[in-house]
Protein backbone atom coordinates (compact mmCIF):
# COMPACT_ATOMS: atom_id res chain seq x y z
CA MET A 1 0.00 0.00 0.00
CA THR A 2 1.27 3.47 -0.83
CA GLU A 3 1.65 5.54 2.31
CA LYS A 4 -0.12 8.90 2.28
CA LYS A 5 0.92 11.33 4.97
CA THR A 6 -1.47 13.63 6.78
CA THR A 7 -0.51 16.96 8.27
CA GLU A 8 -2.53 16.76 11.49
CA ARG A 9 -4.07 14.17 13.75
CA LYS A 10 -7.68 13.43 12.87
CA ASP A 11 -10.07 12.31 15.61
CA ILE A 12 -12.12 9.15 15.13
CA ALA A 13 -15.70 10.20 14.39
CA ALA A 14 -17.18 7.03 15.93
CA GLY A 15 -16.07 8.35 19.32
CA LYS A 16 -19.29 10.36 19.48
CA ALA A 17 -21.41 7.22 19.02
CA CYS A 18 -19.29 5.46 21.65
CA ARG A 19 -19.93 8.20 24.19
CA LYS A 20 -23.68 8.02 23.54
CA LEU A 21 -23.74 4.23 23.91
CA MET A 22 -21.87 4.43 27.20
CA ALA A 23 -24.18 7.16 28.49
CA ASP A 24 -27.28 5.18 27.51
CA HIS A 25 -25.83 2.13 29.29
CA PHE A 26 -25.51 4.00 32.58
CA TYR A 27 -28.83 5.84 32.25
CA GLU A 28 -30.65 2.55 31.68
CA LEU A 29 -29.02 1.02 34.75
CA ASP A 30 -29.79 4.07 36.86
CA GLU A 31 -33.46 4.10 35.86
CA ALA A 32 -33.81 0.38 36.58
CA ALA A 33 -32.16 0.78 39.98
CA ARG A 34 -34.44 3.69 40.93
CA THR A 35 -37.70 2.20 39.65
CA GLY A 36 -37.11 -1.51 40.09
CA SER A 37 -38.22 -2.05 36.49
CA ARG A 38 -35.42 -4.52 35.69
CA LYS A 39 -33.20 -6.82 37.71
CA ILE A 40 -29.50 -5.88 37.73
CA ALA A 41 -26.55 -8.26 37.78
CA TRP A 42 -23.01 -7.19 38.52
CA CYS A 43 -20.53 -9.14 36.40
CA THR A 44 -16.77 -9.30 36.17
CA SER A 45 -15.58 -8.04 32.80
CA VAL A 46 -14.89 -11.53 31.44
CA GLY A 47 -17.74 -13.19 33.31
CA PRO A 48 -20.82 -14.91 31.83
CA ALA A 49 -22.53 -11.74 30.62
CA GLU A 50 -24.30 -13.57 27.81
CA LEU A 51 -26.06 -15.86 30.26
CA LEU A 52 -27.08 -12.89 32.41
CA ARG A 53 -28.55 -11.09 29.41
CA GLY A 54 -30.27 -14.31 28.39
CA MET A 55 -31.85 -14.38 31.84
CA GLY A 56 -33.21 -10.86 31.39
CA PHE A 57 -30.76 -8.97 33.61
CA LEU A 58 -29.26 -5.59 32.92
CA VAL A 59 -25.53 -6.02 33.41
CA TYR A 60 -23.16 -3.69 35.25
CA PHE A 61 -19.36 -4.11 35.24
CA PRO A 62 -17.51 -2.78 38.32
CA GLU A 63 -14.16 -3.05 36.52
CA ASN A 64 -15.41 -0.48 34.04
CA HIS A 65 -16.21 1.75 37.01
CA GLY A 66 -12.70 1.12 38.35
CA ALA A 67 -11.22 2.21 35.02
CA MET A 68 -13.34 5.38 35.14
CA LEU A 69 -12.09 6.08 38.65
CA GLY A 70 -8.54 5.67 37.35
CA ALA A 71 -9.06 7.79 34.25
CA THR A 72 -10.61 10.63 36.26
CA ARG A 73 -7.77 10.33 38.83
CA MET A 74 -10.25 9.91 41.68
CA SER A 75 -8.83 6.50 42.54
CA THR A 76 -5.65 7.47 44.35
CA ASP A 77 -7.57 9.41 47.02
CA LEU A 78 -10.15 6.64 47.46
CA ILE A 79 -7.87 3.60 47.75
CA PRO A 80 -6.83 4.33 51.38
CA TYR A 81 -10.44 3.91 52.56
CA ALA A 82 -10.39 0.29 51.42
CA ASN A 83 -6.92 -0.13 52.91
CA ALA A 84 -8.37 0.94 56.25
CA LEU A 85 -10.74 -2.06 56.05
CA GLY A 86 -7.76 -4.39 55.78
CA TYR A 87 -7.45 -4.60 52.00
CA SER A 88 -3.76 -4.45 51.15
CA PRO A 89 -2.33 -1.63 49.00
CA ASP A 90 -0.75 -4.43 46.94
CA ILE A 91 -4.01 -5.97 45.72
CA CYS A 92 -6.05 -4.90 42.69
CA SER A 93 -6.50 -1.13 42.67
CA TYR A 94 -9.76 -1.56 40.76
CA LEU A 95 -11.02 -3.34 43.87
CA THR A 96 -9.65 -0.89 46.40
CA CYS A 97 -10.64 2.31 44.58
CA ASP A 98 -14.13 0.95 43.86
CA VAL A 99 -14.71 -0.08 47.47
CA GLY A 100 -13.29 3.27 48.57
CA ALA A 101 -15.70 5.05 46.24
CA TYR A 102 -18.62 3.12 47.76
CA ILE A 103 -17.50 4.03 51.28
CA ARG A 104 -17.13 7.71 50.37
CA LYS A 105 -20.33 7.71 48.26
CA GLU A 106 -18.43 9.13 45.29
CA THR A 107 -18.52 8.14 41.63
CA PRO A 108 -17.35 9.63 38.32
CA LEU A 109 -20.87 8.88 37.05
CA THR A 110 -22.06 11.99 38.89
CA ARG A 111 -19.88 14.38 36.94
CA ALA A 112 -20.27 12.54 33.64
CA TYR A 113 -23.99 11.74 33.71
CA ASN A 114 -25.46 13.37 36.82
CA ILE A 115 -26.00 9.88 38.28
CA GLU A 116 -25.80 9.79 42.06
CA SER A 117 -24.46 6.26 42.57
CA VAL A 118 -23.71 2.97 40.89
CA PRO A 119 -26.75 0.68 40.60
CA LYS A 120 -27.47 -1.71 43.47
CA PRO A 121 -27.22 -5.34 42.31
CA ASP A 122 -29.75 -8.13 42.64
CA VAL A 123 -27.00 -10.70 42.13
CA LEU A 124 -23.20 -10.67 41.86
CA VAL A 125 -21.52 -13.02 39.35
CA PHE A 126 -17.75 -13.43 38.96
CA ASN A 127 -15.31 -15.51 36.94
CA THR A 128 -11.83 -16.07 38.35
CA ASN A 129 -10.29 -16.32 34.87
CA GLN A 130 -8.79 -12.89 35.58
CA CYS A 131 -7.66 -13.34 39.18
CA ARG A 132 -8.88 -14.21 42.67
CA ASP A 133 -9.27 -10.52 43.47
CA VAL A 134 -12.57 -10.30 41.57
CA GLN A 135 -14.04 -12.97 43.83
CA ASP A 136 -12.94 -11.14 46.99
CA TRP A 137 -14.18 -7.85 45.52
CA PHE A 138 -17.66 -9.18 44.85
CA ALA A 139 -17.68 -11.07 48.16
CA TRP A 140 -17.24 -7.74 49.98
CA TYR A 141 -20.32 -6.32 48.26
CA SER A 142 -22.24 -9.53 48.90
CA ARG A 143 -21.65 -9.09 52.63
CA GLU A 144 -22.22 -5.35 52.57
CA LEU A 145 -25.43 -5.42 50.51
CA SER A 146 -26.77 -8.89 51.48
CA VAL A 147 -26.88 -9.90 47.81
CA PRO A 148 -26.34 -13.46 46.45
CA LEU A 149 -22.83 -14.21 45.19
CA LEU A 150 -22.32 -16.70 42.34
CA GLY A 151 -19.18 -17.58 40.45
CA VAL A 152 -17.19 -19.61 37.97
CA HIS A 153 -13.78 -20.90 38.98
CA THR A 154 -11.43 -21.10 36.01
CA HIS A 155 -8.31 -23.22 35.57
CA ARG A 156 -5.13 -21.16 35.28
CA ASP A 157 -1.62 -21.36 33.79
CA ILE A 158 -2.92 -23.48 30.91
CA GLY A 159 -0.93 -24.45 27.84
CA GLY A 160 -3.02 -26.59 25.53
CA ILE A 161 -6.75 -26.53 26.27
CA ARG A 162 -8.06 -29.96 27.27
CA ASP A 163 -11.64 -31.05 26.66
CA TYR A 164 -12.20 -31.73 30.36
CA VAL A 165 -11.33 -28.12 31.15
CA ILE A 166 -13.94 -26.82 28.70
CA ALA A 167 -16.51 -29.32 30.01
CA ASP A 168 -15.86 -28.18 33.59
CA ILE A 169 -16.30 -24.47 32.86
CA ALA A 170 -19.35 -25.10 30.68
CA SER A 171 -20.89 -27.14 33.50
CA GLN A 172 -20.21 -24.38 36.02
CA ILE A 173 -21.89 -21.81 33.77
CA ARG A 174 -24.86 -24.11 33.17
CA ASP A 175 -25.21 -24.67 36.93
CA LEU A 176 -25.71 -20.93 37.43
CA THR A 177 -29.02 -21.06 35.57
CA PRO A 178 -31.39 -22.21 38.35
CA LEU A 179 -29.72 -19.86 40.82
CA LEU A 180 -30.16 -16.93 38.44
CA GLU A 181 -33.80 -17.91 37.92
CA GLU A 182 -34.29 -17.43 41.66
CA ALA A 183 -32.66 -14.01 41.53
CA THR A 184 -34.55 -12.72 38.51
CA GLY A 185 -37.87 -14.49 38.97
CA GLU A 186 -37.86 -15.43 35.28
CA THR A 187 -37.58 -18.80 33.59
CA PHE A 188 -34.47 -19.43 31.53
CA ASP A 189 -35.11 -18.74 27.86
CA MET A 190 -32.68 -20.63 25.60
CA ASP A 191 -33.56 -18.59 22.51
CA ARG A 192 -32.82 -15.31 24.29
CA PHE A 193 -29.56 -16.79 25.58
CA ARG A 194 -28.52 -17.93 22.10
CA GLU A 195 -29.31 -14.47 20.76
CA ALA A 196 -27.01 -12.84 23.33
CA VAL A 197 -24.21 -15.30 22.51
CA GLY A 198 -24.70 -14.54 18.82
CA TYR A 199 -24.41 -10.81 19.41
CA SER A 200 -21.24 -11.33 21.46
CA SER A 201 -19.77 -13.51 18.75
CA ARG A 202 -20.43 -10.91 16.08
CA THR A 203 -19.12 -8.12 18.33
CA SER A 204 -15.90 -10.11 18.77
CA GLU A 205 -15.49 -10.61 15.03
CA LEU A 206 -15.90 -6.90 14.43
CA TRP A 207 -13.64 -5.91 17.33
CA ARG A 208 -10.90 -8.21 16.06
CA ALA A 209 -11.19 -6.67 12.60
CA CYS A 210 -11.00 -3.18 14.11
CA LEU A 211 -7.86 -4.04 16.06
CA GLU A 212 -6.23 -5.76 13.09
CA SER A 213 -6.76 -2.67 10.94
CA ALA A 214 -3.72 -1.32 12.81
CA ALA A 215 -1.58 -3.75 10.80
CA ALA A 216 -1.77 -1.14 8.03
CA THR A 217 1.06 1.35 7.59
CA PRO A 218 0.43 3.97 8.80
CA SER A 219 -1.88 2.64 11.49
CA PRO A 220 -5.32 4.28 11.38
CA TRP A 221 -5.62 4.27 15.17
CA SER A 222 -3.62 3.51 18.29
CA PHE A 223 -3.84 1.61 21.56
CA PHE A 224 -4.90 4.84 23.24
CA ASP A 225 -7.89 5.16 20.90
CA ALA A 226 -8.77 1.51 21.39
CA THR A 227 -8.77 1.67 25.20
CA ILE A 228 -11.64 4.15 24.95
CA LEU A 229 -13.49 2.68 21.98
CA MET A 230 -13.41 -0.80 23.53
CA GLY A 231 -16.01 0.39 26.05
CA PRO A 232 -18.98 -1.09 24.16
CA ALA A 233 -17.17 -4.45 23.82
CA VAL A 234 -17.10 -4.55 27.61
CA VAL A 235 -20.39 -3.08 28.81
CA ALA A 236 -22.64 -3.91 25.83
CA ARG A 237 -21.38 -7.40 25.03
CA GLY A 238 -24.33 -9.58 24.09
CA THR A 239 -26.41 -6.74 22.64
CA ARG A 240 -27.37 -5.49 19.20
CA GLU A 241 -26.08 -2.02 20.15
CA ALA A 242 -22.50 -3.28 20.41
CA VAL A 243 -22.72 -4.93 16.99
CA ASP A 244 -24.11 -1.77 15.42
CA PHE A 245 -21.36 0.37 16.94
CA TYR A 246 -18.47 -1.79 15.76
CA GLU A 247 -19.88 -2.01 12.26
CA VAL A 248 -19.70 1.79 12.15
CA LEU A 249 -16.23 1.92 13.71
CA LEU A 250 -14.83 -0.75 11.39
CA ALA A 251 -16.14 1.05 8.31
CA GLU A 252 -14.45 4.25 9.47
CA LEU A 253 -11.15 2.50 10.18
CA LYS A 254 -11.20 0.86 6.74
CA GLN A 255 -11.75 4.27 5.18
CA ARG A 256 -8.86 5.71 7.19
CA VAL A 257 -6.61 2.93 5.92
CA GLU A 258 -7.71 3.58 2.35
CA ASP A 259 -7.11 7.31 2.73
CA GLY A 260 -3.78 6.85 4.51
CA THR A 261 -5.10 8.69 7.57
CA ALA A 262 -2.62 8.07 10.39
CA ALA A 263 -3.19 7.92 14.13
CA VAL A 264 0.37 9.30 14.33
CA PRO A 265 1.11 11.54 11.34
CA GLY A 266 4.54 10.77 9.97
CA GLU A 267 4.57 7.41 11.80
CA LYS A 268 8.19 6.34 12.31
CA HIS A 269 7.97 3.61 14.94
CA ARG A 270 5.43 0.95 15.86
CA ILE A 271 5.14 -0.36 19.42
CA TYR A 272 3.35 -3.19 21.24
CA TRP A 273 1.91 -2.39 24.70
CA GLU A 274 1.97 -5.37 27.05
CA GLY A 275 -0.05 -5.09 30.24
CA MET A 276 -2.72 -2.85 31.69
CA PRO A 277 -3.31 0.77 30.69
CA ILE A 278 -2.21 3.47 33.12
CA TRP A 279 -5.66 4.99 33.13
CA GLY A 280 -4.80 8.31 34.71
CA LYS A 281 -1.94 8.94 32.27
CA LEU A 282 -3.37 7.84 28.93
CA ARG A 283 -3.39 11.36 27.52
CA ALA A 284 0.14 12.16 28.66
CA LEU A 285 1.53 8.90 27.26
CA SER A 286 -0.39 9.31 24.01
CA ASP A 287 0.88 12.86 23.55
CA GLN A 288 4.47 11.90 24.33
CA LEU A 289 4.54 9.03 21.85
CA LEU A 290 2.75 11.16 19.25
CA SER A 291 5.49 13.79 19.58
CA LEU A 292 8.07 11.04 19.05
CA GLY A 293 6.39 9.78 15.88
CA THR A 294 5.54 6.51 17.59
CA CYS A 295 2.27 4.59 17.37
CA VAL A 296 1.23 1.84 19.77
CA VAL A 297 -0.32 -0.42 17.14
CA ALA A 298 -1.24 -3.46 19.24
CA SER A 299 -1.71 -4.62 22.80
CA THR A 300 -2.54 -7.64 24.89
CA TYR A 301 -5.13 -5.68 26.86
CA CYS A 302 -7.46 -4.64 24.05
CA ASN A 303 -7.35 -8.14 22.55
CA SER A 304 -8.80 -9.49 25.81
CA TRP A 305 -12.34 -8.84 24.58
CA ILE A 306 -12.12 -11.01 21.49
CA PHE A 307 -14.31 -14.06 22.05
CA ASP A 308 -14.65 -15.42 18.54
CA GLN A 309 -15.00 -18.98 19.86
CA LEU A 310 -18.56 -18.12 20.92
CA ASP A 311 -21.20 -20.10 19.04
CA PRO A 312 -24.96 -19.58 19.56
CA ASP A 313 -25.57 -23.15 18.40
CA ASN A 314 -23.43 -24.46 21.26
CA PRO A 315 -23.69 -21.68 23.83
CA PHE A 316 -22.52 -23.22 27.12
CA GLU A 317 -19.52 -25.12 25.71
CA SER A 318 -18.45 -22.23 23.49
CA MET A 319 -18.58 -19.86 26.46
CA GLY A 320 -16.48 -22.35 28.41
CA ARG A 321 -13.91 -22.31 25.63
CA ALA A 322 -13.98 -18.56 25.01
CA TYR A 323 -13.49 -17.73 28.67
CA THR A 324 -10.69 -20.30 29.08
CA GLU A 325 -8.64 -19.44 25.99
CA LEU A 326 -7.93 -15.94 27.32
CA PHE A 327 -4.34 -14.72 27.27
CA ILE A 328 -4.38 -14.09 31.03
CA VAL A 329 -5.30 -17.73 31.77
CA ARG A 330 -2.45 -19.23 29.72
CA ASP A 331 1.10 -20.30 30.51
CA GLU A 332 4.30 -18.45 29.61
CA PRO A 333 5.13 -20.38 26.39
CA TYR A 334 1.63 -19.69 25.03
CA LYS A 335 1.89 -16.00 25.90
CA GLU A 336 5.24 -15.66 24.18
CA LYS A 337 3.95 -17.36 21.03
CA TYR A 338 0.89 -15.10 21.11
CA ILE A 339 3.04 -11.97 21.15
CA LYS A 340 5.29 -13.40 18.43
CA ASP A 341 2.21 -13.95 16.26
CA CYS A 342 1.19 -10.36 16.92
CA HIS A 343 4.66 -9.26 15.84
CA ASP A 344 4.25 -11.14 12.56
CA LEU A 345 0.95 -9.33 11.90
CA PHE A 346 1.59 -5.82 13.19
CA ARG A 347 5.36 -5.58 12.50
CA PHE A 348 6.16 -3.53 15.58
CA ASP A 349 9.68 -2.31 16.35
CA GLY A 350 9.65 -2.70 20.12
CA ILE A 351 7.60 -3.70 23.16
CA ILE A 352 6.71 -1.67 26.23
CA PHE A 353 5.87 -3.84 29.24
CA HIS A 354 3.84 -2.17 31.97
CA ASP A 355 4.61 -3.66 35.38
CA ALA A 356 1.38 -2.77 37.20
CA LYS A 357 2.08 -2.79 40.93
CA THR A 358 -1.34 -4.11 41.96
CA CYS A 359 -2.04 -6.35 38.95
CA PRO A 360 0.47 -9.22 38.85
CA ASN A 361 -1.84 -11.32 36.68
CA ASN A 362 -1.66 -8.73 33.90
CA SER A 363 2.04 -7.93 34.36
CA ASN A 364 4.05 -10.35 32.24
CA ASN A 365 7.50 -8.86 32.69
CA ARG A 366 8.33 -10.48 36.03
CA TYR A 367 9.66 -13.86 34.91
CA GLY A 368 12.05 -12.95 32.11
CA MET A 369 9.57 -12.61 29.24
CA PRO A 370 10.86 -9.22 28.00
CA GLU A 371 14.40 -10.58 27.67
CA ARG A 372 13.27 -13.78 25.96
CA LEU A 373 11.04 -11.99 23.47
CA SER A 374 13.66 -9.34 22.77
CA ALA A 375 16.11 -12.09 21.82
CA LYS A 376 13.57 -14.11 19.78
CA LEU A 377 12.17 -11.16 17.86
CA ASP A 378 15.38 -9.11 17.70
CA ILE A 379 13.63 -6.00 18.97
CA PRO A 380 14.17 -3.99 22.16
CA ALA A 381 11.85 -4.16 25.14
CA LEU A 382 11.26 -1.57 27.87
CA THR A 383 9.60 -2.09 31.26
CA ILE A 384 7.93 0.86 32.93
CA ASN A 385 6.66 0.68 36.50
CA GLY A 386 3.23 1.96 37.40
CA ASP A 387 -0.30 0.85 38.07
CA LEU A 388 -3.70 0.79 36.47
CA CYS A 389 -5.28 3.17 39.01
CA ASP A 390 -2.88 3.97 41.88
CA LEU A 391 -0.76 6.82 40.57
CA ARG A 392 1.39 6.76 43.71
CA CYS A 393 3.09 3.78 42.04
CA TYR A 394 3.97 5.77 38.92
CA SER A 395 6.78 8.24 38.36
CA GLU A 396 5.80 10.28 35.33
CA GLU A 397 9.23 11.86 34.93
CA GLN A 398 11.01 8.51 35.15
CA ALA A 399 8.62 6.93 32.65
CA LYS A 400 8.97 9.88 30.29
CA THR A 401 12.76 9.72 30.40
CA ASN A 402 12.81 5.96 29.90
CA ILE A 403 10.42 6.15 26.94
CA GLU A 404 12.50 8.89 25.30
CA ALA A 405 15.64 6.76 25.69
CA PHE A 406 13.78 3.75 24.30
CA ILE A 407 12.69 5.64 21.18
CA GLU A 408 16.26 6.88 20.75
CA GLN A 409 17.30 3.23 20.81
CA LEU A 410 14.80 2.53 18.03
CA GLU A 411 16.16 5.47 16.05
CA GLU A 412 19.69 4.06 16.27
CA ARG A 413 18.49 0.71 14.93
């Protein structure tokens, strides 16, 4: 493809539709919580949302709230309130800032949407495919609010996926059904469940295609765009609205590729981001890399909401597979091969590993992976220390200096 340079950065127009979808999501939850018109389930971000939607629940994702607390920089002041209850500063800062926000009766939803509080749940449903922290997080609310707590316990550190593993997870998801019937007062409807799984499957196909558009040179968007525009893939998974949004976004990204519209005008370097976003510093990091002619073209994090194994004709088993084949659940050899495959597709020049202080499960730099991948791929790797929400763990000046030196290293190569 012939590269066409642009003179200025052009915003992604679909961002407006994304903001509306997110607002409608929270307004619908707020109305249901105030009027009692719909039952509400809290779900971990990679929990069985399709089953919950198939049971008629509206679904709320506390991790999304945690990310909002991080992005608005409210989190650092709220975390100590959870620490005072005995929750360690070293555990998930999504958990601690969210619990702190509940204790202080504060939420970024107030400023963004004039919503007083997060919606009270009728049931709490977790999946430990991410970590044990989500179970402890939801267990705190179960005790505090006297709400039923249900969960799926996923195998971890998996290489090849065995059939018995899929059968176990599928069985656990299926066993939730009668318990959810008690919580919602509705009978399980298989057709509605299949429909939700179908929407999630299509959303995943579209989201993958959106992310893979960054294989173009120049890339039409960056990791920093994707962390925002992935919102519907999280909160609206299993709905027609998510499908509609990503059809619009994908069409725009394809047009940007055709026009040569670059996320980073004059793109010189292409980077892979491994690990969690630093929510409170997305803008600063984006601006710095933009000024250095560097685009973050791919990431582990944004790929975490691709569930293209989902199959409405085989909903329970396909959910078991989709939620077990996640990057975070897999062993080190699988993860290294995954990133190598990404390198083959996106042709990035280097990798930035984010060592998130409170998220060891999403920090893959701690057992020699950066050094191994650097040698295998013949590209440099940089580790920056920080956190997803707790900015006390992040030195902006140190990160800025290290990133500048890293890009200088790329220039020399």
